[in-house]
Amino acid sequence: MALTTPSARPSSAGTTPPSSSRRHRSADGTHCSWTSSVLARVVLVALSLLFLLPLYWMVASALKSGQELAQYPPTWFPTDLNWVNFRDAVNAMPFWQFFRNTVVITVLATAFAVVSNFVVAYGFACLDWPGRDKVFYVVLATLFLPFPITLIPMFDLWANLGAVNTFVPLVVPNLFASAFFTFLLRQFLLQVPKDMLDAARLDGASEWRIAWKLVFPTALPAVTAVAIFAAVGSWNDFLGPLIYLQDQDVQTLSIGLQAFRQTNQQDIQFNQLMAASFLVIAPLIVLFFVFQRYFIRGITLGGFK
């Protein structure tokens, strides 16, 4: 009987590759060199620092004194941390009132956007009806409709309804689906197995129950992406509150920042302005970092797959 040397023995199917070979694999499973892997990470770190530079400069300027801001060349690190600038920025305007108004508008607009767009996307992705794709193409065509075209007719509509100077014009339009959000959710819902939907229908489940009990939980990544997009758009909206909100007690943070700048136009306190600006964008930063995993999954598996 012939003997087999250890070097000639066939490797078993379950043998795991060395850690060095697993370490330098790309996303598609192909091998990549060590230099390309390091270069890719260096480029990503450099781009990250480039995008974070304005945010850092905002925070650094918010912590500087007026004298240090006037120095030339400017300093990269504050010599003294003046946290009092944040307190002065909050006290210079009715910040918390603007903050409360912005939160109310953002929460309602985001909730309405999620519900309406999910229902419309479910109809385009999970229901079969004559002319479905043609109607969807018409919906997509509205993406090319410039916003200024609808600005005056919408203002006339809300003015005739007596809704100017209220939150209604900034919240209620989100009950009507957006073409981009509908497209994003539809692309994700097209991946839902048709057999699962047919089985639920055979069991007697209604379409409403299938949509919210079966399909909605599986579409949470795409729904989260839509919610983040809607929340950021509503939170940062400047033109809408500028047009519809006239009294100070209903205005938002974006209008408050502009009013703060105009009030101190002769002697702008840039450190307080940067402090107020950071307080405005801080909730969005926290929102993104908390839901970034679902946000990235919703983008990659939904609209761009």
Foldseek 3Di string as FASTA:
>chain_A
DDDDDPVRDDDDPPDDDDPVQVVQADPVGHGDDPVVVVVVVVVVVVVVCVVCVVVLVLQQLLQEDPVQVPDPPHDSHHPGGRPVLLVVLCVLFVAVLQAVLLVVLLVLQLVLLLVQLLVLLCCLAQDDDPCSVVVLVVLLVCVPPDPVVCPVVLLVVCVVVVNFQHSCSSRVVSNHYHSVLNQLQNQLSNPPDNVVVVVCVVVPDDPVCCSPVPRVVVLQLQSLLSSLVSSVCSLQDDVVQVSRRDDPSNHHLNVVLVVLCVVCVVPDSSSSSSSSVCVSCVVSVVSCVVSVVSNVCSVVSTNPD
